[in-house]
Amino acid sequence: MTAWMAQRILLIPLLLVAALLVSSHRIAAAPAPGAASSAIPSTPSSTEPTPPPPPPVPLAAQAPPPGGRFDPVAATEAWLATLPAADLARSNAYFEGGYWLDLWGFLYGLAVAWLLLGSGLSVRLRNLAVRVTGSAFVHGLVYALQYLLVTSLLPFPLAIYQGYFREHRYGLSNLTLGGWCGEAGKELLVTLVFGSVAIALFYAFLRAAPRTWWIWGTVLAIAILSALVLLAPVAIEPLFNTMTELRNPVVKGPILSLARANGIPGDHVYVQDASKQSKRVSAHVTGFANTLRIELNDNLLRRTSLPGIQAVMGHEMGHYVLNHVYESIIDFGVLIFLGFAYLRSAYGGALRRWGPRWKLAGIADLAALPLFVALFSAYLFVMTPIFNTLTRTNEIEADIFGLNASRQPDGMAEVALQLGEYRKLHPTPFEEFCFFDHPSGYNRILMAMRWKAEHLADLPATPAAAPTGAAGTPPVRPPG
């Protein structure tokens, strides 16, 4: 999930879905045909991070000699055992703490809505917007700007704890306090621009179609979702990170070969300077149509071996080939439709019960927005396991595609352990269903080891060191 969207989940429900979609393909790319590359500077390969050698493969995870037995479960356990106990405990504590933060964030959002409604502040903001101009659409813009400012400032203590202090406590952030505040300011500006327009448009639909707003609202939400996914690579991400073109042929060559082998055109691979914010390895497919790009961040380039990088790129190309961006827009569009259908009755019922007390005039009253957001947030909170399952299913499909394309099961295990620095590696099935929008590290490594067990004839019998390539890293086999 992009940082600027993550802190706005309870503020603009329409943007939540875009956040989910972006995050669902985040773990990587060549641009789509026609995508411009001249605006992205090239970085000399001498200044690029150098991938390290692959980590030693545990004995139980090594390909056995001919006729030997390979146990995927034992291999998975052997990979997990390479992680120090203290690191595993820290990862579990970080991720499990996120369960409670999800709950407190939801309750905090409800408290903010109650404060705005119960204190009459929302009505005063509405009245101020009405005095500005006679245009109903501008009323919506002015109210939305005020609402977004207030609902960004009130949860600020929780946001700075979660985004800055907690990240530093677990050793995941590279930002100074000033740097974090600067990024939070950018996030707020982006939220004000996109959120105010989204809210004003939504209320225009409420006024124009008070009986069928939930249908047209779904259409609007899907349009906003699509626009955000389209614009994110060119209008939003450059506000936070700089992209440079990858030049090192030892890294770039196998990636482009893998792309061509899977029908993905393009001659460029891009690197995002994410290390200025975080220590996390990541790559992602972002955008679609002419803004589609696959990017790997510099942490991945610096910390992950060539087999691991190729495993990640195969995963991301799976998202492209399997049309997961378009599929996710449809899936989340259906869930938005169901949520708005629920709100059709719940919103009206809540207004009849509490509207007179809070001086709300009806469903098209701007002052009722906190009530709408609270009700829709409750729907999203309850539906979190469903959203996560849809995303996790796509991730599993991309993992399988990536294994078949890159043929790097040990590289996949390496990356799964790196992601396990901030994701619980071996959760219970209930935890994984409710809280994981990606497969757990255990299940990802088990999938890779099962793939390896079925392809032993195609893999070396022993992990003997191969001749080193550029920068001391072993060359990667071409995708097969």
Protein backbone atom coordinates (compact mmCIF):
# COMPACT_ATOMS: atom_id res chain seq x y z
CA MET A 1 0.00 0.00 0.00
CA THR A 2 1.41 3.39 -0.84
CA ALA A 3 2.12 5.47 2.22
CA TRP A 4 -0.02 8.43 1.23
CA MET A 5 -3.08 6.18 0.81
CA ALA A 6 -2.51 4.07 3.89
CA GLN A 7 -3.09 6.92 6.32
CA ARG A 8 -6.34 7.90 4.63
CA ILE A 9 -8.21 4.58 4.79
CA LEU A 10 -10.87 5.81 7.18
CA LEU A 11 -11.05 9.29 5.65
CA ILE A 12 -11.90 8.58 2.02
CA PRO A 13 -13.39 5.13 1.51
CA LEU A 14 -13.28 5.54 -2.25
CA LEU A 15 -9.50 5.88 -2.08
CA LEU A 16 -9.19 2.80 0.12
CA VAL A 17 -9.94 0.51 -2.76
CA ALA A 18 -7.27 2.13 -4.88
CA ALA A 19 -4.85 1.62 -2.01
CA LEU A 20 -5.78 -2.05 -1.84
CA LEU A 21 -5.32 -2.45 -5.57
CA VAL A 22 -1.90 -0.82 -5.60
CA SER A 23 -0.76 -2.84 -2.60
CA SER A 24 -2.01 -6.07 -4.08
CA HIS A 25 0.71 -5.95 -6.72
CA ARG A 26 3.48 -4.52 -4.59
CA ILE A 27 6.47 -6.78 -3.81
CA ALA A 28 9.15 -4.72 -10.13
CA ALA A 29 9.31 -3.63 -14.92
CA ALA A 30 9.64 -2.55 -18.30
CA PRO A 31 7.21 0.17 -19.38
CA ALA A 32 4.19 -0.64 -21.45
CA PRO A 33 4.42 -0.03 -25.19
CA GLY A 34 4.56 3.68 -25.86
CA ALA A 35 5.49 4.62 -22.29
CA ALA A 36 8.00 7.43 -22.23
CA SER A 37 11.36 6.84 -20.59
CA SER A 38 13.17 10.07 -21.40
CA ALA A 39 11.93 11.77 -18.23
CA ILE A 40 13.59 9.15 -16.03
CA PRO A 41 17.31 9.72 -15.61
CA SER A 42 19.84 7.01 -16.15
CA THR A 43 22.14 6.07 -13.31
CA PRO A 44 25.63 4.82 -14.16
CA SER A 45 26.00 1.21 -13.18
CA SER A 46 29.01 2.13 -11.02
CA THR A 47 26.70 3.99 -8.61
CA GLU A 48 24.00 1.35 -8.48
CA PRO A 49 23.71 -1.00 -5.53
CA THR A 50 25.36 -4.35 -6.24
CA PRO A 51 23.34 -7.51 -5.57
CA PRO A 52 25.02 -9.82 -3.03
CA PRO A 53 25.76 -13.49 -3.65
CA PRO A 54 22.91 -15.94 -2.93
CA PRO A 55 22.67 -17.09 0.68
CA PRO A 56 23.76 -20.68 1.44
CA VAL A 57 20.98 -23.16 0.76
CA PRO A 58 20.19 -25.21 3.90
CA LEU A 59 21.17 -28.86 3.63
CA ALA A 60 17.56 -30.10 3.76
CA ALA A 61 16.64 -27.67 0.96
CA GLN A 62 19.44 -28.72 -1.40
CA ALA A 63 18.63 -30.78 -4.44
CA PRO A 64 19.55 -34.37 -3.52
CA PRO A 65 21.73 -36.62 -5.63
CA PRO A 66 19.95 -38.78 -8.24
CA GLY A 67 17.53 -41.16 -6.57
CA GLY A 68 17.55 -39.12 -3.35
CA ARG A 69 14.41 -37.95 -1.57
CA PHE A 70 13.47 -34.29 -1.30
CA ASP A 71 11.01 -33.34 1.46
CA PRO A 72 9.38 -29.92 0.78
CA VAL A 73 8.18 -29.56 4.39
CA ALA A 74 11.63 -30.31 5.81
CA ALA A 75 13.17 -27.93 3.26
CA THR A 76 10.74 -25.19 4.30
CA GLU A 77 11.52 -25.69 7.97
CA ALA A 78 15.23 -25.59 7.16
CA TRP A 79 14.87 -22.23 5.42
CA LEU A 80 12.89 -20.82 8.36
CA ALA A 81 15.55 -22.07 10.76
CA THR A 82 18.11 -19.80 9.09
CA LEU A 83 16.35 -16.79 10.63
CA PRO A 84 17.71 -16.00 14.13
CA ALA A 85 15.17 -16.51 16.93
CA ALA A 86 15.41 -12.86 17.99
CA ASP A 87 14.62 -11.66 14.46
CA LEU A 88 11.66 -14.04 14.24
CA ALA A 89 10.30 -12.81 17.59
CA ARG A 90 10.68 -9.17 16.50
CA SER A 91 8.89 -9.84 13.20
CA ASN A 92 6.03 -11.62 14.97
CA ALA A 93 5.66 -8.81 17.51
CA TYR A 94 5.63 -6.16 14.78
CA PHE A 95 3.03 -7.89 12.65
CA GLU A 96 0.81 -8.98 15.53
CA GLY A 97 0.86 -5.43 16.86
CA GLY A 98 -0.58 -4.44 13.52
CA TYR A 99 -3.73 -6.43 14.33
CA TRP A 100 -4.40 -4.10 17.24
CA LEU A 101 -3.46 -1.01 15.27
CA ASP A 102 -6.07 -1.97 12.67
CA LEU A 103 -8.67 -2.16 15.43
CA TRP A 104 -7.58 1.05 17.15
CA GLY A 105 -7.42 2.87 13.83
CA PHE A 106 -10.98 1.79 13.06
CA LEU A 107 -12.24 2.84 16.50
CA TYR A 108 -10.30 6.11 16.29
CA GLY A 109 -12.03 6.83 13.00
CA LEU A 110 -15.43 6.18 14.55
CA ALA A 111 -14.55 8.49 17.45
CA VAL A 112 -13.56 11.27 15.02
CA ALA A 113 -16.88 10.86 13.18
CA TRP A 114 -18.81 10.98 16.46
CA LEU A 115 -16.92 14.12 17.51
CA LEU A 116 -17.66 15.90 14.24
CA LEU A 117 -21.35 15.00 14.39
CA GLY A 118 -22.00 15.25 18.12
CA SER A 119 -20.21 18.57 18.59
CA GLY A 120 -21.93 20.17 15.61
CA LEU A 121 -18.55 20.86 13.98
CA SER A 122 -19.57 19.13 10.77
CA VAL A 123 -22.66 21.34 10.52
CA ARG A 124 -20.54 24.45 11.08
CA LEU A 125 -18.14 23.35 8.36
CA ARG A 126 -21.10 22.81 6.03
CA ASN A 127 -22.55 26.24 6.82
CA LEU A 128 -19.21 27.89 6.15
CA ALA A 129 -18.95 26.13 2.79
CA VAL A 130 -22.45 27.26 1.82
CA ARG A 131 -21.61 30.91 2.57
CA VAL A 132 -18.63 30.86 0.21
CA THR A 133 -20.55 30.57 -3.06
CA GLY A 134 -23.88 29.64 -4.57
CA SER A 135 -22.48 26.63 -6.46
CA ALA A 136 -23.47 23.30 -4.91
CA PHE A 137 -20.40 21.61 -6.40
CA VAL A 138 -18.09 24.23 -4.89
CA HIS A 139 -19.89 23.73 -1.57
CA GLY A 140 -18.75 20.12 -1.77
CA LEU A 141 -15.16 21.09 -2.55
CA VAL A 142 -14.94 23.61 0.30
CA TYR A 143 -16.56 21.30 2.83
CA ALA A 144 -14.34 18.41 1.72
CA LEU A 145 -11.17 20.50 2.14
CA GLN A 146 -12.19 21.44 5.68
CA TYR A 147 -13.26 17.89 6.52
CA LEU A 148 -10.04 16.36 5.25
CA LEU A 149 -7.92 18.86 7.15
CA VAL A 150 -9.75 18.20 10.41
CA THR A 151 -9.77 14.42 9.98
CA SER A 152 -6.06 14.48 9.18
CA LEU A 153 -5.11 16.52 12.23
CA LEU A 154 -7.24 14.70 14.80
CA PRO A 155 -5.68 11.23 14.18
CA PHE A 156 -2.16 12.73 13.93
CA PRO A 157 -0.95 11.29 17.28
CA LEU A 158 -1.81 7.77 16.14
CA ALA A 159 -0.36 8.42 12.67
CA ILE A 160 3.02 9.66 13.97
CA TYR A 161 3.26 6.76 16.41
CA GLN A 162 2.44 4.19 13.75
CA GLY A 163 4.37 5.75 10.88
CA TYR A 164 7.45 7.09 12.66
CA PHE A 165 8.10 5.98 16.24
CA ARG A 166 6.96 2.39 15.80
CA GLU A 167 8.84 1.97 12.53
CA HIS A 168 12.05 3.18 14.19
CA ARG A 169 11.45 0.98 17.21
CA TYR A 170 11.51 -2.08 14.94
CA GLY A 171 14.39 -0.79 12.82
CA LEU A 172 12.39 -0.45 9.60
CA SER A 173 12.52 3.29 8.87
CA ASN A 174 15.34 5.48 7.58
CA LEU A 175 13.42 8.76 7.84
CA THR A 176 14.26 11.50 10.31
CA LEU A 177 11.36 13.12 12.14
CA GLY A 178 11.62 16.11 9.82
CA GLY A 179 11.68 13.83 6.79
CA TRP A 180 8.63 11.94 8.02
CA CYS A 181 6.72 15.19 8.62
CA GLY A 182 7.67 16.39 5.14
CA GLU A 183 6.30 13.23 3.57
CA ALA A 184 3.16 13.48 5.72
CA GLY A 185 2.68 17.00 4.39
CA LYS A 186 2.90 15.75 0.81
CA GLU A 187 0.42 12.98 1.63
CA LEU A 188 -1.98 15.56 3.01
CA LEU A 189 -1.71 17.71 -0.12
CA VAL A 190 -2.39 14.73 -2.38
CA THR A 191 -5.34 13.74 -0.19
CA LEU A 192 -6.76 17.26 -0.32
CA VAL A 193 -6.55 17.38 -4.11
CA PHE A 194 -7.94 13.94 -4.92
CA GLY A 195 -10.19 13.61 -1.89
CA SER A 196 -11.96 16.94 -2.25
CA VAL A 197 -12.78 16.27 -5.91
CA ALA A 198 -13.94 12.72 -5.12
CA ILE A 199 -16.22 13.92 -2.30
CA ALA A 200 -17.66 16.79 -4.35
CA LEU A 201 -18.40 14.44 -7.26
CA PHE A 202 -19.97 11.89 -4.94
CA TYR A 203 -22.33 14.45 -3.46
CA ALA A 204 -23.25 15.65 -6.94
CA PHE A 205 -24.45 12.07 -7.59
CA LEU A 206 -26.36 12.07 -4.30
CA ARG A 207 -28.19 15.24 -5.27
CA ALA A 208 -28.87 14.15 -8.84
CA ALA A 209 -30.00 10.58 -8.07
CA PRO A 210 -31.17 10.29 -4.44
CA ARG A 211 -32.82 6.91 -5.08
CA THR A 212 -30.17 5.29 -7.24
CA TRP A 213 -27.06 7.01 -5.89
CA TRP A 214 -25.61 3.69 -4.73
CA ILE A 215 -25.51 2.44 -8.34
CA TRP A 216 -24.02 5.61 -9.78
CA GLY A 217 -21.76 5.94 -6.78
CA THR A 218 -20.28 2.55 -7.66
CA VAL A 219 -19.63 3.74 -11.21
CA LEU A 220 -17.92 6.84 -9.83
CA ALA A 221 -15.85 4.80 -7.37
CA ILE A 222 -14.61 2.48 -10.13
CA ALA A 223 -13.76 5.49 -12.31
CA ILE A 224 -11.82 7.10 -9.46
CA LEU A 225 -10.09 3.81 -8.71
CA SER A 226 -9.05 3.40 -12.34
CA ALA A 227 -7.84 7.01 -12.57
CA LEU A 228 -5.72 6.67 -9.43
CA VAL A 229 -4.11 3.45 -10.61
CA LEU A 230 -3.46 5.10 -13.99
CA LEU A 231 -2.05 8.31 -12.53
CA ALA A 232 -0.07 6.91 -9.59
CA PRO A 233 3.17 6.21 -11.53
CA VAL A 234 3.29 9.62 -13.25
CA ALA A 235 1.56 12.02 -10.85
CA ILE A 236 1.85 10.62 -7.32
CA GLU A 237 4.88 8.38 -6.88
CA PRO A 238 7.34 11.00 -8.25
CA LEU A 239 6.33 13.26 -5.34
CA PHE A 240 7.88 10.78 -2.92
CA ASN A 241 10.58 8.92 -4.83
CA THR A 242 12.98 9.34 -7.73
CA MET A 243 13.15 6.74 -10.49
CA THR A 244 16.40 5.97 -12.30
CA GLU A 245 16.96 3.58 -15.15
CA LEU A 246 18.79 0.39 -14.24
CA ARG A 247 22.04 0.08 -16.21
CA ASN A 248 23.93 -2.90 -14.81
CA PRO A 249 23.65 -5.51 -17.61
CA VAL A 250 24.24 -8.39 -15.20
CA VAL A 251 20.98 -7.46 -13.43
CA LYS A 252 19.08 -5.90 -16.32
CA GLY A 253 19.76 -8.57 -18.96
CA PRO A 254 18.01 -11.51 -17.26
CA ILE A 255 15.05 -9.29 -16.32
CA LEU A 256 14.47 -8.18 -19.92
CA SER A 257 15.00 -11.74 -21.14
CA LEU A 258 12.36 -12.92 -18.69
CA ALA A 259 10.02 -10.16 -19.91
CA ARG A 260 10.46 -11.06 -23.57
CA ALA A 261 9.95 -14.76 -22.86
CA ASN A 262 6.57 -13.94 -21.33
CA GLY A 263 5.34 -11.57 -24.02
CA ILE A 264 6.07 -8.32 -22.18
CA PRO A 265 7.58 -5.67 -24.45
CA GLY A 266 10.01 -3.07 -23.23
CA ASP A 267 13.65 -2.11 -23.06
CA HIS A 268 13.87 -0.43 -19.66
CA VAL A 269 13.94 -1.41 -15.99
CA TYR A 270 13.61 1.23 -13.28
CA VAL A 271 14.94 1.57 -9.74
CA GLN A 272 13.11 3.48 -7.00
CA ASP A 273 15.15 5.18 -4.24
CA ALA A 274 13.03 3.70 -1.45
CA SER A 275 16.03 3.37 0.88
CA LYS A 276 15.63 7.01 1.88
CA GLN A 277 12.40 5.99 3.61
CA SER A 278 12.69 2.36 4.63
CA LYS A 279 14.85 -0.73 4.83
CA ARG A 280 12.15 -2.90 3.25
CA VAL A 281 12.75 -4.76 0.02
CA SER A 282 9.99 -4.17 -2.47
CA ALA A 283 9.03 -4.04 -6.11
CA HIS A 284 5.68 -3.55 -7.73
CA VAL A 285 3.55 -3.36 -10.80
CA THR A 286 1.89 0.04 -10.91
CA GLY A 287 -0.46 1.73 -13.33
CA PHE A 288 -1.90 0.23 -16.46
CA ALA A 289 -2.23 0.99 -20.17
CA ASN A 290 0.45 3.56 -21.14
CA THR A 291 1.48 4.25 -17.51
CA LEU A 292 2.19 0.63 -16.60
CA ARG A 293 5.63 0.23 -15.08
CA ILE A 294 7.44 -2.45 -13.10
CA GLU A 295 9.93 -1.06 -10.61
CA LEU A 296 12.33 -2.64 -8.17
CA ASN A 297 13.53 -0.59 -5.25
CA ASP A 298 17.15 -0.01 -4.38
CA ASN A 299 16.82 -2.04 -1.17
CA LEU A 300 15.97 -5.10 -3.25
CA LEU A 301 18.90 -4.39 -5.54
CA ARG A 302 21.28 -3.95 -2.59
CA ARG A 303 20.09 -6.79 -0.35
CA THR A 304 18.85 -9.54 -2.67
CA SER A 305 20.82 -11.90 -4.89
CA LEU A 306 20.27 -12.17 -8.63
CA PRO A 307 18.19 -15.38 -8.26
CA GLY A 308 16.03 -13.60 -5.69
CA ILE A 309 15.60 -10.54 -7.91
CA GLN A 310 14.64 -12.75 -10.83
CA ALA A 311 12.10 -14.61 -8.67
CA VAL A 312 10.51 -11.28 -7.73
CA MET A 313 10.46 -10.09 -11.33
CA GLY A 314 8.81 -13.32 -12.42
CA HIS A 315 6.14 -12.77 -9.77
CA GLU A 316 5.49 -9.21 -10.96
CA MET A 317 5.36 -10.24 -14.59
CA GLY A 318 2.75 -12.76 -13.50
CA HIS A 319 0.54 -9.88 -12.37
CA TYR A 320 0.94 -8.33 -15.82
CA VAL A 321 0.35 -11.48 -17.87
CA LEU A 322 -2.58 -12.61 -15.69
CA ASN A 323 -4.26 -9.16 -15.93
CA HIS A 324 -4.49 -8.79 -12.18
CA VAL A 325 -4.84 -5.00 -12.28
CA TYR A 326 -8.01 -5.22 -14.37
CA GLU A 327 -9.29 -8.22 -12.43
CA SER A 328 -8.81 -6.38 -9.14
CA ILE A 329 -10.70 -3.33 -10.38
CA ILE A 330 -13.65 -5.59 -11.18
CA ASP A 331 -13.41 -7.49 -7.88
CA PHE A 332 -13.22 -4.36 -5.77
CA GLY A 333 -15.94 -2.73 -7.87
CA VAL A 334 -18.27 -5.56 -6.91
CA LEU A 335 -17.38 -5.13 -3.24
CA ILE A 336 -17.98 -1.38 -3.45
CA PHE A 337 -21.37 -2.07 -5.04
CA LEU A 338 -22.28 -4.42 -2.19
CA GLY A 339 -21.10 -1.85 0.34
CA PHE A 340 -23.14 0.94 -1.22
CA ALA A 341 -26.16 -1.38 -1.41
CA TYR A 342 -25.79 -1.92 2.34
CA LEU A 343 -25.43 1.82 2.88
CA ARG A 344 -28.60 2.48 0.88
CA SER A 345 -30.61 1.27 3.87
CA ALA A 346 -28.12 1.76 6.71
CA TYR A 347 -27.37 5.38 5.82
CA GLY A 348 -31.04 6.28 5.49
CA GLY A 349 -31.91 4.51 8.72
CA ALA A 350 -29.11 6.22 10.63
CA LEU A 351 -30.20 9.61 9.32
CA ARG A 352 -33.79 9.01 10.42
CA ARG A 353 -32.63 8.02 13.88
CA TRP A 354 -29.87 10.55 14.58
CA GLY A 355 -30.30 13.17 11.84
CA PRO A 356 -32.57 15.50 13.84
CA ARG A 357 -30.23 15.37 16.86
CA TRP A 358 -27.21 16.25 14.70
CA LYS A 359 -29.16 18.73 12.49
CA LEU A 360 -28.63 16.74 9.31
CA ALA A 361 -31.04 17.52 6.48
CA GLY A 362 -30.86 14.29 4.46
CA ILE A 363 -28.61 11.97 2.50
CA ALA A 364 -27.29 14.80 0.30
CA ASP A 365 -26.38 16.97 3.31
CA LEU A 366 -22.63 17.54 3.30
CA ALA A 367 -22.62 17.63 7.10
CA ALA A 368 -23.62 13.95 7.09
CA LEU A 369 -20.35 12.86 5.47
CA PRO A 370 -18.80 11.69 8.79
CA LEU A 371 -21.79 9.39 9.28
CA PHE A 372 -21.43 7.98 5.77
CA VAL A 373 -17.69 7.43 6.27
CA ALA A 374 -18.26 5.74 9.65
CA LEU A 375 -20.84 3.33 8.22
CA PHE A 376 -18.75 2.50 5.16
CA SER A 377 -15.63 2.10 7.31
CA ALA A 378 -17.54 -0.43 9.42
CA TYR A 379 -18.42 -2.34 6.24
CA LEU A 380 -14.78 -2.29 5.08
CA PHE A 381 -13.55 -3.37 8.50
CA VAL A 382 -15.89 -6.38 8.56
CA MET A 383 -15.01 -7.21 4.95
CA THR A 384 -11.24 -7.01 5.51
CA PRO A 385 -10.79 -10.81 5.29
CA ILE A 386 -12.62 -10.81 1.94
CA PHE A 387 -10.52 -7.98 0.53
CA ASN A 388 -7.39 -9.72 1.80
CA THR A 389 -8.44 -13.07 0.32
CA LEU A 390 -9.02 -11.56 -3.12
CA THR A 391 -5.61 -9.92 -3.05
CA ARG A 392 -3.89 -12.96 -1.55
CA THR A 393 -5.35 -15.20 -4.26
CA ASN A 394 -3.82 -12.99 -6.95
CA GLU A 395 -0.51 -13.07 -5.11
CA ILE A 396 -0.56 -16.88 -5.00
CA GLU A 397 -1.25 -17.00 -8.73
CA ALA A 398 1.62 -14.59 -9.38
CA ASP A 399 3.92 -16.68 -7.15
CA ILE A 400 3.16 -19.80 -9.16
CA PHE A 401 3.66 -17.92 -12.42
CA GLY A 402 6.93 -16.49 -11.13
CA LEU A 403 8.28 -19.90 -10.16
CA ASN A 404 7.50 -21.36 -13.56
CA ALA A 405 8.92 -18.34 -15.36
CA SER A 406 12.08 -17.68 -13.34
CA ARG A 407 12.77 -21.24 -12.12
CA GLN A 408 14.33 -19.82 -8.96
CA PRO A 409 12.75 -21.59 -5.95
CA ASP A 410 15.67 -20.81 -3.65
CA GLY A 411 15.56 -17.18 -4.76
CA MET A 412 11.89 -17.10 -3.82
CA ALA A 413 12.72 -18.54 -0.40
CA GLU A 414 15.39 -15.87 0.08
CA VAL A 415 12.92 -13.05 -0.64
CA ALA A 416 10.19 -14.60 1.51
CA LEU A 417 12.57 -14.47 4.48
CA GLN A 418 13.39 -10.83 3.75
CA LEU A 419 9.70 -9.96 3.63
CA GLY A 420 9.42 -11.87 6.89
CA GLU A 421 11.32 -9.07 8.59
CA TYR A 422 7.98 -7.29 8.96
CA ARG A 423 5.44 -10.01 8.16
CA LYS A 424 4.80 -12.93 10.46
CA LEU A 425 6.39 -15.92 8.76
CA HIS A 426 4.29 -18.78 10.14
CA PRO A 427 0.82 -17.58 11.22
CA THR A 428 -2.16 -19.74 12.04
CA PRO A 429 -4.61 -20.37 9.19
CA PHE A 430 -7.09 -18.04 10.92
CA GLU A 431 -4.50 -15.23 11.09
CA GLU A 432 -3.58 -15.67 7.46
CA PHE A 433 -7.22 -15.58 6.36
CA CYS A 434 -8.07 -12.47 8.37
CA PHE A 435 -4.94 -10.34 8.28
CA PHE A 436 -2.71 -11.34 5.36
CA ASP A 437 -3.15 -9.75 1.92
CA HIS A 438 -0.14 -11.82 0.74
CA PRO A 439 0.66 -15.47 1.41
CA SER A 440 2.66 -16.00 4.59
CA GLY A 441 6.39 -16.56 4.29
CA TYR A 442 5.97 -20.18 5.34
CA ASN A 443 3.44 -20.90 2.60
CA ARG A 444 5.50 -19.07 0.00
CA ILE A 445 8.62 -21.07 0.83
CA LEU A 446 6.60 -24.30 0.96
CA MET A 447 5.19 -23.52 -2.50
CA ALA A 448 8.73 -22.92 -3.80
CA MET A 449 10.03 -26.15 -2.27
CA ARG A 450 7.11 -28.14 -3.70
CA TRP A 451 7.92 -26.68 -7.10
CA LYS A 452 11.55 -27.62 -6.56
CA ALA A 453 10.59 -31.20 -5.64
CA GLU A 454 8.77 -31.57 -8.96
CA HIS A 455 11.68 -30.16 -11.00
CA LEU A 456 14.68 -31.86 -9.46
CA ALA A 457 15.72 -33.23 -12.85
CA ASP A 458 16.01 -29.65 -14.13
CA LEU A 459 18.06 -28.38 -11.19
CA PRO A 460 21.65 -29.00 -10.11
CA ALA A 461 22.07 -31.97 -7.78
CA THR A 462 24.15 -29.89 -5.38
CA PRO A 463 24.36 -26.13 -4.74
CA ALA A 464 27.99 -26.03 -5.80
CA ALA A 465 29.31 -22.53 -6.31
CA ALA A 466 29.04 -21.35 -9.89
CA PRO A 467 31.57 -19.12 -11.64
CA THR A 468 31.04 -15.58 -10.53
CA GLY A 469 29.76 -12.90 -12.84
CA ALA A 470 30.05 -9.14 -12.58
CA ALA A 471 30.31 -7.73 -9.08
CA GLY A 472 31.14 -11.16 -7.71
CA THR A 473 27.62 -12.51 -8.09
CA PRO A 474 26.85 -15.85 -9.70
CA PRO A 475 25.17 -15.64 -13.08
CA VAL A 476 21.48 -16.41 -13.24
CA ARG A 477 20.22 -19.18 -15.46
CA PRO A 478 18.10 -17.91 -18.35
CA PRO A 479 14.39 -18.37 -17.69
CA GLY A 480 13.17 -21.72 -18.90
